[in-house]
């Protein structure tokens, strides 16, 4: 069983419930919490938003999509890795998605798309 004190430190992670944590511990399972980010531009907005998935506010607003993509990859890497989803301008659908490895991974994060 997971004590309430230990769980309270993990409550900020909305993807994992206390029951799920107890099941993982009981069956010796490993779980990974990822940091997914979206790069978006709202209609009528000049800048690009970097927003963590499930977040209410943008983590950063920058002038170009390329800057936003680079920031999103840095944020995701520092928070355990995940997916960076790049949307089309003016609130459009996802046009690209990149997997980002955790920051402690010896391999660098590079985009191989042209």
N, C-alpha and C. Protein backbone atom coordinates (compact mmCIF):
# COMPACT_ATOMS: atom_id res chain seq x y z
N UNK A 1 0.84 -1.19 0.00
CA UNK A 1 0.00 0.00 0.00
C UNK A 1 0.88 1.25 0.00
N UNK A 2 0.38 2.28 -0.62
CA UNK A 2 1.10 3.55 -0.66
C UNK A 2 0.57 4.45 0.44
N UNK A 3 1.47 4.97 1.24
CA UNK A 3 1.05 5.83 2.33
C UNK A 3 0.53 7.16 1.78
N UNK A 4 -0.34 7.81 2.55
CA UNK A 4 -0.93 9.08 2.12
C UNK A 4 0.12 10.16 1.90
N UNK A 5 1.17 10.14 2.72
CA UNK A 5 2.23 11.15 2.58
C UNK A 5 2.94 11.00 1.24
N UNK A 6 3.23 9.75 0.85
CA UNK A 6 3.90 9.51 -0.43
C UNK A 6 2.97 9.88 -1.59
N UNK A 7 1.70 9.53 -1.48
CA UNK A 7 0.76 9.82 -2.55
C UNK A 7 0.55 11.32 -2.72
N UNK A 8 0.57 12.06 -1.61
CA UNK A 8 0.31 13.50 -1.70
C UNK A 8 1.36 14.19 -2.58
N UNK A 9 2.58 13.66 -2.62
CA UNK A 9 3.61 14.22 -3.48
C UNK A 9 3.33 13.93 -4.95
N UNK A 10 2.59 12.87 -5.22
CA UNK A 10 2.30 12.48 -6.60
C UNK A 10 0.93 12.96 -7.07
N UNK A 11 0.13 13.55 -6.19
CA UNK A 11 -1.21 13.99 -6.56
C UNK A 11 -1.20 15.02 -7.68
N UNK A 12 -0.13 15.75 -7.82
CA UNK A 12 -0.06 16.77 -8.86
C UNK A 12 0.00 16.15 -10.25
N UNK A 13 0.19 14.84 -10.32
CA UNK A 13 0.21 14.13 -11.60
C UNK A 13 -1.20 13.56 -11.84
N UNK A 14 -2.04 14.26 -12.62
CA UNK A 14 -3.43 13.86 -12.77
C UNK A 14 -3.64 12.56 -13.52
N UNK A 15 -2.61 12.02 -14.17
CA UNK A 15 -2.77 10.80 -14.94
C UNK A 15 -2.78 9.54 -14.09
N UNK A 16 -2.35 9.63 -12.85
CA UNK A 16 -2.20 8.45 -11.99
C UNK A 16 -3.08 8.61 -10.76
N UNK A 17 -3.96 7.65 -10.53
CA UNK A 17 -4.80 7.68 -9.33
C UNK A 17 -4.11 6.88 -8.21
N UNK A 18 -4.60 7.06 -6.99
CA UNK A 18 -4.01 6.33 -5.86
C UNK A 18 -4.19 4.82 -6.06
N UNK A 19 -5.35 4.41 -6.58
CA UNK A 19 -5.60 2.99 -6.83
C UNK A 19 -4.61 2.45 -7.86
N UNK A 20 -4.37 3.21 -8.93
CA UNK A 20 -3.41 2.77 -9.94
C UNK A 20 -2.02 2.62 -9.34
N UNK A 21 -1.61 3.56 -8.50
CA UNK A 21 -0.30 3.48 -7.87
C UNK A 21 -0.19 2.23 -6.99
N UNK A 22 -1.25 1.92 -6.25
CA UNK A 22 -1.23 0.73 -5.40
C UNK A 22 -1.14 -0.54 -6.25
N UNK A 23 -1.84 -0.57 -7.38
CA UNK A 23 -1.77 -1.73 -8.25
C UNK A 23 -0.37 -1.89 -8.85
N UNK A 24 0.22 -0.76 -9.27
CA UNK A 24 1.58 -0.82 -9.80
C UNK A 24 2.54 -1.37 -8.76
N UNK A 25 2.41 -0.89 -7.53
CA UNK A 25 3.31 -1.33 -6.47
C UNK A 25 3.08 -2.81 -6.15
N UNK A 26 1.82 -3.22 -6.06
CA UNK A 26 1.49 -4.60 -5.69
C UNK A 26 2.02 -5.60 -6.72
N UNK A 27 1.93 -5.25 -8.00
CA UNK A 27 2.36 -6.17 -9.04
C UNK A 27 3.76 -5.84 -9.59
N UNK A 28 4.50 -4.99 -8.86
CA UNK A 28 5.86 -4.60 -9.24
C UNK A 28 5.95 -4.09 -10.68
N UNK A 29 4.99 -3.27 -11.06
CA UNK A 29 4.97 -2.68 -12.39
C UNK A 29 5.69 -1.34 -12.37
N UNK A 30 6.20 -0.96 -13.51
CA UNK A 30 6.87 0.33 -13.64
C UNK A 30 5.95 1.24 -14.44
N UNK A 31 5.81 2.46 -13.99
CA UNK A 31 5.02 3.41 -14.76
C UNK A 31 5.85 4.63 -15.07
N UNK A 32 5.51 5.26 -16.17
CA UNK A 32 6.24 6.42 -16.64
C UNK A 32 5.25 7.57 -16.82
N UNK A 33 5.59 8.70 -16.26
CA UNK A 33 4.77 9.89 -16.46
C UNK A 33 5.50 10.75 -17.48
N UNK A 34 4.81 11.04 -18.58
CA UNK A 34 5.43 11.81 -19.66
C UNK A 34 4.92 13.25 -19.67
N UNK A 35 5.69 14.10 -20.28
CA UNK A 35 5.34 15.52 -20.39
C UNK A 35 5.09 15.83 -21.87
N UNK A 36 3.83 15.79 -22.27
CA UNK A 36 3.46 16.11 -23.64
C UNK A 36 3.17 17.61 -23.75
N UNK A 37 3.64 18.22 -24.83
CA UNK A 37 3.43 19.65 -25.07
C UNK A 37 2.83 19.86 -26.45
N UNK A 38 2.03 20.92 -26.58
CA UNK A 38 1.43 21.31 -27.85
C UNK A 38 1.95 22.69 -28.24
N UNK A 39 2.24 22.85 -29.53
CA UNK A 39 2.65 24.13 -30.10
C UNK A 39 1.46 24.60 -30.93
N UNK A 40 0.82 25.69 -30.51
CA UNK A 40 -0.39 26.16 -31.16
C UNK A 40 -0.34 27.66 -31.41
N UNK A 41 -1.17 28.08 -32.34
CA UNK A 41 -1.38 29.51 -32.58
C UNK A 41 -2.89 29.72 -32.66
N UNK A 42 -3.40 30.53 -31.76
CA UNK A 42 -4.84 30.80 -31.75
C UNK A 42 -5.19 31.76 -32.88
N UNK A 43 -6.43 31.65 -33.37
CA UNK A 43 -6.88 32.54 -34.44
C UNK A 43 -6.73 33.99 -34.02
N UNK A 44 -6.17 34.79 -34.91
CA UNK A 44 -5.99 36.21 -34.65
C UNK A 44 -4.79 36.55 -33.78
N UNK A 45 -4.02 35.55 -33.36
CA UNK A 45 -2.85 35.77 -32.51
C UNK A 45 -1.60 35.75 -33.38
N UNK A 46 -0.67 36.65 -33.10
CA UNK A 46 0.58 36.69 -33.85
C UNK A 46 1.59 35.66 -33.36
N UNK A 47 1.64 35.43 -32.05
CA UNK A 47 2.63 34.53 -31.46
C UNK A 47 2.18 33.08 -31.43
N UNK A 48 3.12 32.23 -31.04
CA UNK A 48 2.88 30.78 -30.91
C UNK A 48 2.95 30.39 -29.44
N UNK A 49 2.01 29.55 -29.01
CA UNK A 49 1.92 29.09 -27.62
C UNK A 49 2.61 27.74 -27.45
N UNK A 50 3.29 27.58 -26.33
CA UNK A 50 3.81 26.29 -25.90
C UNK A 50 3.00 25.93 -24.66
N UNK A 51 2.21 24.86 -24.76
CA UNK A 51 1.32 24.53 -23.65
C UNK A 51 1.42 23.05 -23.31
N UNK A 52 1.59 22.77 -22.02
CA UNK A 52 1.64 21.39 -21.56
C UNK A 52 0.26 20.77 -21.70
N UNK A 53 0.23 19.54 -22.13
CA UNK A 53 -1.05 18.85 -22.32
C UNK A 53 -1.82 18.82 -21.00
N UNK A 54 -3.06 19.28 -21.04
CA UNK A 54 -3.88 19.36 -19.84
C UNK A 54 -3.74 20.67 -19.09
N UNK A 55 -2.78 21.50 -19.50
CA UNK A 55 -2.57 22.79 -18.84
C UNK A 55 -3.61 23.81 -19.24
N UNK A 56 -3.82 24.77 -18.37
CA UNK A 56 -4.81 25.81 -18.65
C UNK A 56 -4.20 27.03 -19.30
N UNK A 57 -2.92 27.27 -19.05
CA UNK A 57 -2.24 28.44 -19.60
C UNK A 57 -1.02 28.00 -20.39
N UNK A 58 -0.59 28.87 -21.29
CA UNK A 58 0.61 28.60 -22.07
C UNK A 58 1.84 28.70 -21.17
N UNK A 59 2.77 27.80 -21.36
CA UNK A 59 4.04 27.86 -20.63
C UNK A 59 4.92 28.96 -21.18
N UNK A 60 4.75 29.26 -22.47
CA UNK A 60 5.52 30.32 -23.13
C UNK A 60 4.77 30.76 -24.38
N UNK A 61 4.98 32.02 -24.76
CA UNK A 61 4.46 32.55 -26.02
C UNK A 61 5.64 33.21 -26.72
N UNK A 62 5.92 32.74 -27.94
CA UNK A 62 7.05 33.26 -28.71
C UNK A 62 6.58 33.68 -30.10
N UNK A 63 7.46 34.35 -30.85
CA UNK A 63 7.03 34.92 -32.12
C UNK A 63 7.00 33.94 -33.29
N UNK A 64 7.81 32.86 -33.25
CA UNK A 64 7.82 31.93 -34.38
C UNK A 64 7.49 30.51 -33.94
N UNK A 65 7.00 29.73 -34.89
CA UNK A 65 6.67 28.34 -34.62
C UNK A 65 7.94 27.54 -34.30
N UNK A 66 9.03 27.84 -34.99
CA UNK A 66 10.30 27.14 -34.75
C UNK A 66 10.79 27.35 -33.32
N UNK A 67 10.70 28.60 -32.82
CA UNK A 67 11.09 28.88 -31.43
C UNK A 67 10.19 28.11 -30.46
N UNK A 68 8.91 28.08 -30.75
CA UNK A 68 7.96 27.38 -29.88
C UNK A 68 8.25 25.88 -29.86
N UNK A 69 8.56 25.32 -31.01
CA UNK A 69 8.88 23.90 -31.09
C UNK A 69 10.13 23.57 -30.29
N UNK A 70 11.16 24.41 -30.40
CA UNK A 70 12.40 24.18 -29.65
C UNK A 70 12.16 24.27 -28.15
N UNK A 71 11.38 25.26 -27.71
CA UNK A 71 11.07 25.40 -26.29
C UNK A 71 10.27 24.20 -25.78
N UNK A 72 9.28 23.79 -26.56
CA UNK A 72 8.45 22.65 -26.16
C UNK A 72 9.31 21.40 -25.98
N UNK A 73 10.27 21.19 -26.85
CA UNK A 73 11.17 20.04 -26.75
C UNK A 73 12.06 20.14 -25.51
N UNK A 74 12.52 21.34 -25.19
CA UNK A 74 13.33 21.54 -23.99
C UNK A 74 12.49 21.25 -22.74
N UNK A 75 11.27 21.82 -22.69
CA UNK A 75 10.39 21.61 -21.53
C UNK A 75 10.09 20.13 -21.35
N UNK A 76 9.75 19.45 -22.44
CA UNK A 76 9.41 18.02 -22.37
C UNK A 76 10.61 17.20 -21.90
N UNK A 77 11.78 17.51 -22.43
CA UNK A 77 13.00 16.79 -22.06
C UNK A 77 13.30 16.94 -20.57
N UNK A 78 13.17 18.16 -20.07
CA UNK A 78 13.45 18.42 -18.65
C UNK A 78 12.43 17.79 -17.72
N UNK A 79 11.24 17.46 -18.26
CA UNK A 79 10.18 16.88 -17.45
C UNK A 79 9.97 15.39 -17.72
N UNK A 80 11.00 14.71 -18.19
CA UNK A 80 10.93 13.26 -18.35
C UNK A 80 10.66 12.77 -19.75
N UNK A 81 10.60 13.67 -20.73
CA UNK A 81 10.35 13.26 -22.10
C UNK A 81 8.86 13.12 -22.39
N UNK A 82 8.53 12.96 -23.65
CA UNK A 82 7.14 12.84 -24.06
C UNK A 82 6.98 13.16 -25.53
N UNK A 83 5.81 13.67 -25.89
CA UNK A 83 5.51 14.03 -27.27
C UNK A 83 5.35 15.53 -27.39
N UNK A 84 5.86 16.08 -28.49
CA UNK A 84 5.63 17.49 -28.83
C UNK A 84 4.77 17.46 -30.09
N UNK A 85 3.58 18.03 -29.98
CA UNK A 85 2.64 18.03 -31.10
C UNK A 85 2.54 19.45 -31.66
N UNK A 86 2.88 19.57 -32.94
CA UNK A 86 2.90 20.88 -33.59
C UNK A 86 1.63 21.00 -34.43
N UNK A 87 0.86 22.05 -34.13
CA UNK A 87 -0.40 22.28 -34.84
C UNK A 87 -0.20 23.24 -36.00
N UNK A 88 -1.14 23.21 -36.93
CA UNK A 88 -1.15 24.17 -38.03
C UNK A 88 -1.54 25.54 -37.50
N UNK A 89 -1.20 26.61 -38.23
CA UNK A 89 -1.55 27.96 -37.77
C UNK A 89 -3.06 28.17 -37.59
N UNK A 90 -3.40 29.16 -36.80
CA UNK A 90 -4.78 29.59 -36.56
C UNK A 90 -5.68 28.50 -36.00
N UNK A 91 -5.18 27.76 -35.04
CA UNK A 91 -5.99 26.75 -34.36
C UNK A 91 -6.22 25.49 -35.16
N UNK A 92 -5.36 25.21 -36.11
CA UNK A 92 -5.52 24.05 -36.99
C UNK A 92 -5.17 22.73 -36.32
N UNK A 93 -5.38 21.62 -37.05
CA UNK A 93 -5.09 20.29 -36.51
C UNK A 93 -3.59 20.04 -36.40
N UNK A 94 -3.23 18.94 -35.77
CA UNK A 94 -1.83 18.56 -35.60
C UNK A 94 -1.23 18.25 -36.97
N UNK A 95 -0.09 18.87 -37.27
CA UNK A 95 0.59 18.62 -38.55
C UNK A 95 1.83 17.75 -38.38
N UNK A 96 2.34 17.66 -37.14
CA UNK A 96 3.55 16.90 -36.88
C UNK A 96 3.62 16.56 -35.40
N UNK A 97 4.27 15.46 -35.09
CA UNK A 97 4.46 15.05 -33.70
C UNK A 97 5.85 14.45 -33.56
N UNK A 98 6.59 14.90 -32.56
CA UNK A 98 7.95 14.42 -32.32
C UNK A 98 8.05 13.82 -30.93
N UNK A 99 8.74 12.70 -30.83
CA UNK A 99 9.00 12.08 -29.54
C UNK A 99 10.27 12.67 -28.97
N UNK A 100 10.21 13.06 -27.69
CA UNK A 100 11.35 13.68 -27.02
C UNK A 100 11.79 12.75 -25.89
N UNK A 101 13.06 12.45 -25.85
CA UNK A 101 13.61 11.58 -24.82
C UNK A 101 13.88 12.38 -23.55
N UNK A 102 13.96 11.72 -22.41
CA UNK A 102 14.27 12.43 -21.16
C UNK A 102 15.61 13.14 -21.23
N UNK A 103 15.74 14.21 -20.46
CA UNK A 103 16.94 15.03 -20.47
C UNK A 103 18.20 14.31 -20.07
N UNK A 104 18.08 13.23 -19.29
CA UNK A 104 19.27 12.51 -18.86
C UNK A 104 19.69 11.45 -19.87
N UNK A 105 19.00 11.37 -21.01
CA UNK A 105 19.35 10.41 -22.05
C UNK A 105 20.61 10.90 -22.76
N UNK A 106 21.61 10.04 -22.96
CA UNK A 106 22.85 10.49 -23.59
C UNK A 106 22.69 10.89 -25.05
N UNK A 107 21.63 10.43 -25.72
CA UNK A 107 21.42 10.80 -27.12
C UNK A 107 20.73 12.16 -27.16
N UNK A 108 21.14 12.99 -28.09
CA UNK A 108 20.56 14.33 -28.19
C UNK A 108 19.21 14.29 -28.89
N UNK A 109 18.43 15.35 -28.69
CA UNK A 109 17.13 15.47 -29.32
C UNK A 109 17.32 16.15 -30.67
N UNK A 110 17.06 15.43 -31.74
CA UNK A 110 17.21 16.02 -33.06
C UNK A 110 15.97 15.70 -33.88
N UNK A 111 15.58 16.63 -34.71
CA UNK A 111 14.46 16.44 -35.60
C UNK A 111 15.02 16.02 -36.95
N UNK A 112 14.68 14.84 -37.43
CA UNK A 112 15.25 14.33 -38.66
C UNK A 112 14.39 14.66 -39.86
N UNK A 113 13.30 15.38 -39.68
CA UNK A 113 12.43 15.75 -40.80
C UNK A 113 13.04 16.92 -41.56
N UNK A 114 12.76 16.99 -42.83
CA UNK A 114 13.29 18.08 -43.65
C UNK A 114 12.22 19.10 -43.89
